[in-house]
């Protein structure tokens, strides 16, 4: 079995992290709306702050991926969390 470099591992992991992060941001956004409708504006605001933080994290992860040459083509495996 051939060993892959840490750089190659990052090129595989980062796209998964980006996707996972995006999925969480979308879910948090839905729950922020629920909190708002349920009369919890402070909770909704805090959840929205978390969404904003996740978007910043996603941008940083995307830039990191770009700087190392983008995703490995033909990664081929996918999993859900």
PDB file of N, CA and C in Angstrom:
ATOM      1  N   UNK A   1       0.845  -1.188   0.000  1.00  0.00           N
ATOM      2  CA  UNK A   1       0.000   0.000   0.000  1.00  0.00           C
ATOM      3  C   UNK A   1       0.883   1.241   0.000  1.00  0.00           C
ATOM      4  N   UNK A   2       0.578   2.160  -0.884  1.00  0.00           N
ATOM      5  CA  UNK A   2       1.372   3.368  -1.008  1.00  0.00           C
ATOM      6  C   UNK A   2       0.927   4.397   0.029  1.00  0.00           C
ATOM      7  N   UNK A   3       1.890   5.016   0.658  1.00  0.00           N
ATOM      8  CA  UNK A   3       1.605   6.055   1.639  1.00  0.00           C
ATOM      9  C   UNK A   3       1.432   7.394   0.935  1.00  0.00           C
ATOM     10  N   UNK A   4       0.480   8.189   1.407  1.00  0.00           N
ATOM     11  CA  UNK A   4       0.312   9.505   0.803  1.00  0.00           C
ATOM     12  C   UNK A   4       0.902  10.564   1.729  1.00  0.00           C
ATOM     13  N   UNK A   5       1.331  11.645   1.134  1.00  0.00           N
ATOM     14  CA  UNK A   5       1.956  12.716   1.905  1.00  0.00           C
ATOM     15  C   UNK A   5       0.906  13.484   2.703  1.00  0.00           C
ATOM     16  N   UNK A   6       1.389  14.222   3.682  1.00  0.00           N
ATOM     17  CA  UNK A   6       0.485  15.069   4.458  1.00  0.00           C
ATOM     18  C   UNK A   6      -0.212  16.088   3.559  1.00  0.00           C
ATOM     19  N   UNK A   7       0.501  16.601   2.563  1.00  0.00           N
ATOM     20  CA  UNK A   7      -0.093  17.556   1.631  1.00  0.00           C
ATOM     21  C   UNK A   7      -1.260  16.916   0.882  1.00  0.00           C
ATOM     22  N   UNK A   8      -1.056  15.692   0.403  1.00  0.00           N
ATOM     23  CA  UNK A   8      -2.138  14.993  -0.293  1.00  0.00           C
ATOM     24  C   UNK A   8      -3.316  14.736   0.645  1.00  0.00           C
ATOM     25  N   UNK A   9      -3.010  14.393   1.903  1.00  0.00           N
ATOM     26  CA  UNK A   9      -4.078  14.182   2.888  1.00  0.00           C
ATOM     27  C   UNK A   9      -4.895  15.459   3.061  1.00  0.00           C
ATOM     28  N   UNK A  10      -4.204  16.598   3.169  1.00  0.00           N
ATOM     29  CA  UNK A  10      -4.913  17.873   3.308  1.00  0.00           C
ATOM     30  C   UNK A  10      -5.778  18.161   2.089  1.00  0.00           C
ATOM     31  N   UNK A  11      -5.276  17.824   0.901  1.00  0.00           N
ATOM     32  CA  UNK A  11      -6.039  18.069  -0.327  1.00  0.00           C
ATOM     33  C   UNK A  11      -7.278  17.173  -0.398  1.00  0.00           C
ATOM     34  N   UNK A  12      -7.288  16.091   0.343  1.00  0.00           N
ATOM     35  CA  UNK A  12      -8.457  15.216   0.443  1.00  0.00           C
ATOM     36  C   UNK A  12      -9.371  15.672   1.585  1.00  0.00           C
ATOM     37  N   UNK A  13      -8.773  16.004   2.727  1.00  0.00           N
ATOM     38  CA  UNK A  13      -9.558  16.365   3.908  1.00  0.00           C
ATOM     39  C   UNK A  13     -10.241  17.721   3.802  1.00  0.00           C
ATOM     40  N   UNK A  14      -9.528  18.715   3.290  1.00  0.00           N
ATOM     41  CA  UNK A  14     -10.089  20.068   3.266  1.00  0.00           C
ATOM     42  C   UNK A  14     -11.436  20.162   2.541  1.00  0.00           C
ATOM     43  N   UNK A  15     -11.606  19.555   1.367  1.00  0.00           N
ATOM     44  CA  UNK A  15     -12.937  19.635   0.733  1.00  0.00           C
ATOM     45  C   UNK A  15     -14.044  19.036   1.605  1.00  0.00           C
ATOM     46  N   UNK A  16     -13.740  17.966   2.322  1.00  0.00           N
ATOM     47  CA  UNK A  16     -14.730  17.362   3.213  1.00  0.00           C
ATOM     48  C   UNK A  16     -15.057  18.305   4.363  1.00  0.00           C
ATOM     49  N   UNK A  17     -14.027  18.934   4.928  1.00  0.00           N
ATOM     50  CA  UNK A  17     -14.254  19.878   6.023  1.00  0.00           C
ATOM     51  C   UNK A  17     -15.087  21.066   5.547  1.00  0.00           C
ATOM     52  N   UNK A  18     -14.784  21.554   4.348  1.00  0.00           N
ATOM     53  CA  UNK A  18     -15.518  22.693   3.785  1.00  0.00           C
ATOM     54  C   UNK A  18     -16.992  22.326   3.613  1.00  0.00           C
ATOM     55  N   UNK A  19     -17.245  21.160   3.046  1.00  0.00           N
ATOM     56  CA  UNK A  19     -18.624  20.701   2.838  1.00  0.00           C
ATOM     57  C   UNK A  19     -19.348  20.520   4.171  1.00  0.00           C
ATOM     58  N   UNK A  20     -18.668  19.899   5.117  1.00  0.00           N
ATOM     59  CA  UNK A  20     -19.243  19.646   6.439  1.00  0.00           C
ATOM     60  C   UNK A  20     -19.582  20.973   7.128  1.00  0.00           C
ATOM     61  N   UNK A  21     -18.672  21.919   7.052  1.00  0.00           N
ATOM     62  CA  UNK A  21     -18.853  23.242   7.637  1.00  0.00           C
ATOM     63  C   UNK A  21     -20.060  23.941   7.007  1.00  0.00           C
ATOM     64  N   UNK A  22     -20.164  23.873   5.682  1.00  0.00           N
ATOM     65  CA  UNK A  22     -21.276  24.496   4.966  1.00  0.00           C
ATOM     66  C   UNK A  22     -22.607  23.875   5.405  1.00  0.00           C
ATOM     67  N   UNK A  23     -22.621  22.578   5.563  1.00  0.00           N
ATOM     68  CA  UNK A  23     -23.824  21.872   5.992  1.00  0.00           C
ATOM     69  C   UNK A  23     -24.265  22.339   7.378  1.00  0.00           C
ATOM     70  N   UNK A  24     -23.308  22.477   8.288  1.00  0.00           N
ATOM     71  CA  UNK A  24     -23.630  22.965   9.631  1.00  0.00           C
ATOM     72  C   UNK A  24     -24.170  24.387   9.585  1.00  0.00           C
ATOM     73  N   UNK A  25     -23.560  25.249   8.791  1.00  0.00           N
ATOM     74  CA  UNK A  25     -24.015  26.642   8.692  1.00  0.00           C
ATOM     75  C   UNK A  25     -25.466  26.694   8.225  1.00  0.00           C
ATOM     76  N   UNK A  26     -25.810  25.877   7.245  1.00  0.00           N
ATOM     77  CA  UNK A  26     -27.181  25.850   6.735  1.00  0.00           C
ATOM     78  C   UNK A  26     -28.154  25.376   7.815  1.00  0.00           C
ATOM     79  N   UNK A  27     -27.781  24.350   8.536  1.00  0.00           N
ATOM     80  CA  UNK A  27     -28.638  23.822   9.604  1.00  0.00           C
ATOM     81  C   UNK A  27     -28.797  24.847  10.725  1.00  0.00           C
ATOM     82  N   UNK A  28     -27.705  25.497  11.101  1.00  0.00           N
ATOM     83  CA  UNK A  28     -27.771  26.527  12.144  1.00  0.00           C
ATOM     84  C   UNK A  28     -28.715  27.650  11.722  1.00  0.00           C
ATOM     85  N   UNK A  29     -28.641  28.037  10.444  1.00  0.00           N
ATOM     86  CA  UNK A  29     -29.504  29.104   9.946  1.00  0.00           C
ATOM     87  C   UNK A  29     -30.974  28.764  10.099  1.00  0.00           C
ATOM     88  N   UNK A  30     -31.313  27.512   9.816  1.00  0.00           N
ATOM     89  CA  UNK A  30     -32.707  27.074   9.987  1.00  0.00           C
ATOM     90  C   UNK A  30     -33.138  27.201  11.446  1.00  0.00           C
ATOM     91  N   UNK A  31     -32.255  26.810  12.357  1.00  0.00           N
ATOM     92  CA  UNK A  31     -32.603  26.852  13.772  1.00  0.00           C
ATOM     93  C   UNK A  31     -32.620  28.270  14.320  1.00  0.00           C
ATOM     94  N   UNK A  32     -31.863  29.147  13.724  1.00  0.00           N
ATOM     95  CA  UNK A  32     -31.939  30.554  14.104  1.00  0.00           C
ATOM     96  C   UNK A  32     -33.336  31.094  13.815  1.00  0.00           C
ATOM     97  N   UNK A  33     -33.876  30.726  12.655  1.00  0.00           N
ATOM     98  CA  UNK A  33     -35.234  31.144  12.296  1.00  0.00           C
ATOM     99  C   UNK A  33     -36.260  30.572  13.272  1.00  0.00           C
ATOM    100  N   UNK A  34     -36.077  29.332  13.674  1.00  0.00           N
ATOM    101  CA  UNK A  34     -36.981  28.709  14.645  1.00  0.00           C
ATOM    102  C   UNK A  34     -36.935  29.476  15.966  1.00  0.00           C
ATOM    103  N   UNK A  35     -35.728  29.775  16.429  1.00  0.00           N
ATOM    104  CA  UNK A  35     -35.583  30.510  17.688  1.00  0.00           C
ATOM    105  C   UNK A  35     -36.261  31.874  17.603  1.00  0.00           C
ATOM    106  N   UNK A  36     -36.083  32.546  16.474  1.00  0.00           N
ATOM    107  CA  UNK A  36     -36.709  33.859  16.275  1.00  0.00           C
ATOM    108  C   UNK A  36     -38.235  33.738  16.339  1.00  0.00           C
ATOM    109  N   UNK A  37     -38.786  32.760  15.637  1.00  0.00           N
ATOM    110  CA  UNK A  37     -40.246  32.550  15.626  1.00  0.00           C
ATOM    111  C   UNK A  37     -40.780  32.189  17.004  1.00  0.00           C
ATOM    112  N   UNK A  38     -39.941  31.515  17.797  1.00  0.00           N
ATOM    113  CA  UNK A  38     -40.357  31.095  19.136  1.00  0.00           C
ATOM    114  C   UNK A  38     -40.125  32.178  20.190  1.00  0.00           C
ATOM    115  N   UNK A  39     -39.815  33.395  19.739  1.00  0.00           N
ATOM    116  CA  UNK A  39     -39.660  34.503  20.672  1.00  0.00           C
ATOM    117  C   UNK A  39     -38.342  34.520  21.419  1.00  0.00           C
ATOM    118  N   UNK A  40     -37.311  33.977  20.789  1.00  0.00           N
ATOM    119  CA  UNK A  40     -35.981  33.947  21.406  1.00  0.00           C
ATOM    120  C   UNK A  40     -34.980  34.715  20.535  1.00  0.00           C
ATOM    121  N   UNK A  41     -35.163  36.029  20.416  1.00  0.00           N
ATOM    122  CA  UNK A  41     -34.301  36.793  19.510  1.00  0.00           C
ATOM    123  C   UNK A  41     -32.823  36.781  19.901  1.00  0.00           C
ATOM    124  N   UNK A  42     -32.549  36.743  21.210  1.00  0.00           N
ATOM    125  CA  UNK A  42     -31.146  36.720  21.638  1.00  0.00           C
ATOM    126  C   UNK A  42     -30.480  35.408  21.225  1.00  0.00           C
ATOM    127  N   UNK A  43     -31.221  34.326  21.351  1.00  0.00           N
ATOM    128  CA  UNK A  43     -30.703  33.016  20.944  1.00  0.00           C
ATOM    129  C   UNK A  43     -30.497  32.999  19.432  1.00  0.00           C
ATOM    130  N   UNK A  44     -31.468  33.527  18.696  1.00  0.00           N
ATOM    131  CA  UNK A  44     -31.346  33.595  17.236  1.00  0.00           C
ATOM    132  C   UNK A  44     -30.112  34.393  16.841  1.00  0.00           C
ATOM    133  N   UNK A  45     -29.872  35.503  17.536  1.00  0.00           N
ATOM    134  CA  UNK A  45     -28.712  36.338  17.229  1.00  0.00           C
ATOM    135  C   UNK A  45     -27.409  35.582  17.483  1.00  0.00           C
ATOM    136  N   UNK A  46     -27.345  34.847  18.571  1.00  0.00           N
ATOM    137  CA  UNK A  46     -26.138  34.069  18.874  1.00  0.00           C
ATOM    138  C   UNK A  46     -25.912  32.967  17.835  1.00  0.00           C
ATOM    139  N   UNK A  47     -26.993  32.315  17.430  1.00  0.00           N
ATOM    140  CA  UNK A  47     -26.862  31.287  16.392  1.00  0.00           C
ATOM    141  C   UNK A  47     -26.401  31.930  15.089  1.00  0.00           C
ATOM    142  N   UNK A  48     -26.946  33.101  14.763  1.00  0.00           N
ATOM    143  CA  UNK A  48     -26.505  33.807  13.555  1.00  0.00           C
ATOM    144  C   UNK A  48     -25.030  34.174  13.632  1.00  0.00           C
ATOM    145  N   UNK A  49     -24.550  34.522  14.830  1.00  0.00           N
ATOM    146  CA  UNK A  49     -23.121  34.802  14.991  1.00  0.00           C
ATOM    147  C   UNK A  49     -22.307  33.542  14.702  1.00  0.00           C
ATOM    148  N   UNK A  50     -22.810  32.399  15.159  1.00  0.00           N
ATOM    149  CA  UNK A  50     -22.131  31.130  14.879  1.00  0.00           C
ATOM    150  C   UNK A  50     -22.101  30.860  13.378  1.00  0.00           C
ATOM    151  N   UNK A  51     -23.201  31.154  12.684  1.00  0.00           N
ATOM    152  CA  UNK A  51     -23.248  30.986  11.227  1.00  0.00           C
ATOM    153  C   UNK A  51     -22.188  31.864  10.573  1.00  0.00           C
ATOM    154  N   UNK A  52     -22.098  33.107  11.020  1.00  0.00           N
ATOM    155  CA  UNK A  52     -21.098  34.023  10.480  1.00  0.00           C
ATOM    156  C   UNK A  52     -19.685  33.489  10.715  1.00  0.00           C
ATOM    157  N   UNK A  53     -19.446  32.975  11.907  1.00  0.00           N
ATOM    158  CA  UNK A  53     -18.133  32.407  12.224  1.00  0.00           C
ATOM    159  C   UNK A  53     -17.831  31.195  11.348  1.00  0.00           C
ATOM    160  N   UNK A  54     -18.834  30.360  11.102  1.00  0.00           N
ATOM    161  CA  UNK A  54     -18.634  29.201  10.237  1.00  0.00           C
ATOM    162  C   UNK A  54     -18.317  29.631   8.810  1.00  0.00           C
ATOM    163  N   UNK A  55     -18.971  30.692   8.347  1.00  0.00           N
ATOM    164  CA  UNK A  55     -18.682  31.190   6.999  1.00  0.00           C
ATOM    165  C   UNK A  55     -17.249  31.701   6.911  1.00  0.00           C
ATOM    166  N   UNK A  56     -16.782  32.380   7.957  1.00  0.00           N
ATOM    167  CA  UNK A  56     -15.387  32.830   7.987  1.00  0.00           C
ATOM    168  C   UNK A  56     -14.439  31.632   7.984  1.00  0.00           C
ATOM    169  N   UNK A  57     -14.775  30.616   8.767  1.00  0.00           N
ATOM    170  CA  UNK A  57     -13.953  29.407   8.803  1.00  0.00           C
ATOM    171  C   UNK A  57     -13.934  28.737   7.437  1.00  0.00           C
ATOM    172  N   UNK A  58     -15.088  28.678   6.789  1.00  0.00           N
ATOM    173  CA  UNK A  58     -15.164  28.086   5.454  1.00  0.00           C
ATOM    174  C   UNK A  58     -14.298  28.828   4.456  1.00  0.00           C
ATOM    175  N   UNK A  59     -14.307  30.155   4.535  1.00  0.00           N
ATOM    176  CA  UNK A  59     -13.474  30.956   3.632  1.00  0.00           C
ATOM    177  C   UNK A  59     -11.997  30.680   3.880  1.00  0.00           C
ATOM    178  N   UNK A  60     -11.609  30.557   5.141  1.00  0.00           N
ATOM    179  CA  UNK A  60     -10.213  30.265   5.465  1.00  0.00           C
ATOM    180  C   UNK A  60      -9.818  28.873   4.972  1.00  0.00           C
ATOM    181  N   UNK A  61     -10.708  27.898   5.154  1.00  0.00           N
ATOM    182  CA  UNK A  61     -10.420  26.545   4.680  1.00  0.00           C
ATOM    183  C   UNK A  61     -10.319  26.508   3.159  1.00  0.00           C
ATOM    184  N   UNK A  62     -11.193  27.248   2.485  1.00  0.00           N
ATOM    185  CA  UNK A  62     -11.157  27.306   1.024  1.00  0.00           C
ATOM    186  C   UNK A  62      -9.862  27.942   0.544  1.00  0.00           C
ATOM    187  N   UNK A  63      -9.429  29.006   1.197  1.00  0.00           N
ATOM    188  CA  UNK A  63      -8.161  29.636   0.821  1.00  0.00           C
ATOM    189  C   UNK A  63      -6.992  28.687   1.065  1.00  0.00           C
ATOM    190  N   UNK A  64      -7.041  27.965   2.174  1.00  0.00           N
ATOM    191  CA  UNK A  64      -5.983  26.989   2.454  1.00  0.00           C
ATOM    192  C   UNK A  64      -5.925  25.943   1.347  1.00  0.00           C
ATOM    193  N   UNK A  65      -7.088  25.454   0.932  1.00  0.00           N
ATOM    194  CA  UNK A  65      -7.145  24.458  -0.140  1.00  0.00           C
ATOM    195  C   UNK A  65      -6.592  25.031  -1.442  1.00  0.00           C
ATOM    196  N   UNK A  66      -6.973  26.263  -1.762  1.00  0.00           N
ATOM    197  CA  UNK A  66      -6.468  26.908  -2.982  1.00  0.00           C
ATOM    198  C   UNK A  66      -4.948  27.023  -2.959  1.00  0.00           C
ATOM    199  N   UNK A  67      -4.397  27.346  -1.801  1.00  0.00           N
ATOM    200  CA  UNK A  67      -2.945  27.553  -1.687  1.00  0.00           C
ATOM    201  C   UNK A  67      -2.143  26.264  -1.826  1.00  0.00           C
ATOM    202  N   UNK A  68      -2.796  25.124  -1.636  1.00  0.00           N
ATOM    203  CA  UNK A  68      -2.067  23.858  -1.787  1.00  0.00           C
ATOM    204  C   UNK A  68      -2.437  23.132  -3.073  1.00  0.00           C
ATOM    205  N   UNK A  69      -3.087  23.847  -3.983  1.00  0.00           N
ATOM    206  CA  UNK A  69      -3.325  23.272  -5.301  1.00  0.00           C
ATOM    207  C   UNK A  69      -4.711  22.720  -5.538  1.00  0.00           C
ATOM    208  N   UNK A  70      -5.633  22.963  -4.628  1.00  0.00           N
ATOM    209  CA  UNK A  70      -6.995  22.487  -4.827  1.00  0.00           C
ATOM    210  C   UNK A  70      -7.152  21.032  -4.434  1.00  0.00           C
ATOM    211  N   UNK A  71      -8.369  20.522  -4.581  1.00  0.00           N
ATOM    212  CA  UNK A  71      -8.632  19.141  -4.176  1.00  0.00           C
ATOM    213  C   UNK A  71      -7.937  18.134  -5.087  1.00  0.00           C
ATOM    214  N   UNK A  72      -7.686  16.969  -4.534  1.00  0.00           N
ATOM    215  CA  UNK A  72      -7.145  15.868  -5.320  1.00  0.00           C
ATOM    216  C   UNK A  72      -8.245  15.437  -6.283  1.00  0.00           C
ATOM    217  N   UNK A  73      -7.932  15.354  -7.560  1.00  0.00           N
ATOM    218  CA  UNK A  73      -8.953  14.942  -8.525  1.00  0.00           C
ATOM    219  C   UNK A  73      -9.220  13.452  -8.378  1.00  0.00           C
ATOM    220  N   UNK A  74     -10.489  13.097  -8.566  1.00  0.00           N
ATOM    221  CA  UNK A  74     -10.850  11.686  -8.487  1.00  0.00           C
ATOM    222  C   UNK A  74     -10.781  11.117  -7.093  1.00  0.00           C
ATOM    223  N   UNK A  75     -11.011  11.964  -6.083  1.00  0.00           N
ATOM    224  CA  UNK A  75     -10.988  11.507  -4.689  1.00  0.00           C
ATOM    225  C   UNK A  75     -11.861  10.272  -4.527  1.00  0.00           C
ATOM    226  N   UNK A  76     -13.068  10.336  -5.092  1.00  0.00           N
ATOM    227  CA  UNK A  76     -13.884   9.147  -5.208  1.00  0.00           C
ATOM    228  C   UNK A  76     -14.630   8.670  -3.995  1.00  0.00           C
ATOM    229  N   UNK A  77     -14.274   9.067  -2.795  1.00  0.00           N
ATOM    230  CA  UNK A  77     -15.052   8.589  -1.662  1.00  0.00           C
ATOM    231  C   UNK A  77     -15.787   9.745  -1.014  1.00  0.00           C
ATOM    232  N   UNK A  78     -16.914   9.411  -0.421  1.00  0.00           N
ATOM    233  CA  UNK A  78     -17.749  10.431   0.185  1.00  0.00           C
ATOM    234  C   UNK A  78     -18.444   9.831   1.397  1.00  0.00           C
ATOM    235  N   UNK A  79     -18.566  10.635   2.424  1.00  0.00           N
ATOM    236  CA  UNK A  79     -19.282  10.173   3.603  1.00  0.00           C
ATOM    237  C   UNK A  79     -20.066  11.323   4.211  1.00  0.00           C
ATOM    238  N   UNK A  80     -21.085  10.974   4.981  1.00  0.00           N
ATOM    239  CA  UNK A  80     -21.927  11.973   5.639  1.00  0.00           C
ATOM    240  C   UNK A  80     -21.684  11.926   7.133  1.00  0.00           C
ATOM    241  N   UNK A  81     -21.885  13.074   7.768  1.00  0.00           N
ATOM    242  CA  UNK A  81     -21.752  13.156   9.228  1.00  0.00           C
ATOM    243  C   UNK A  81     -23.091  13.407   9.842  1.00  0.00           C
TER     244      UNK A  81
END
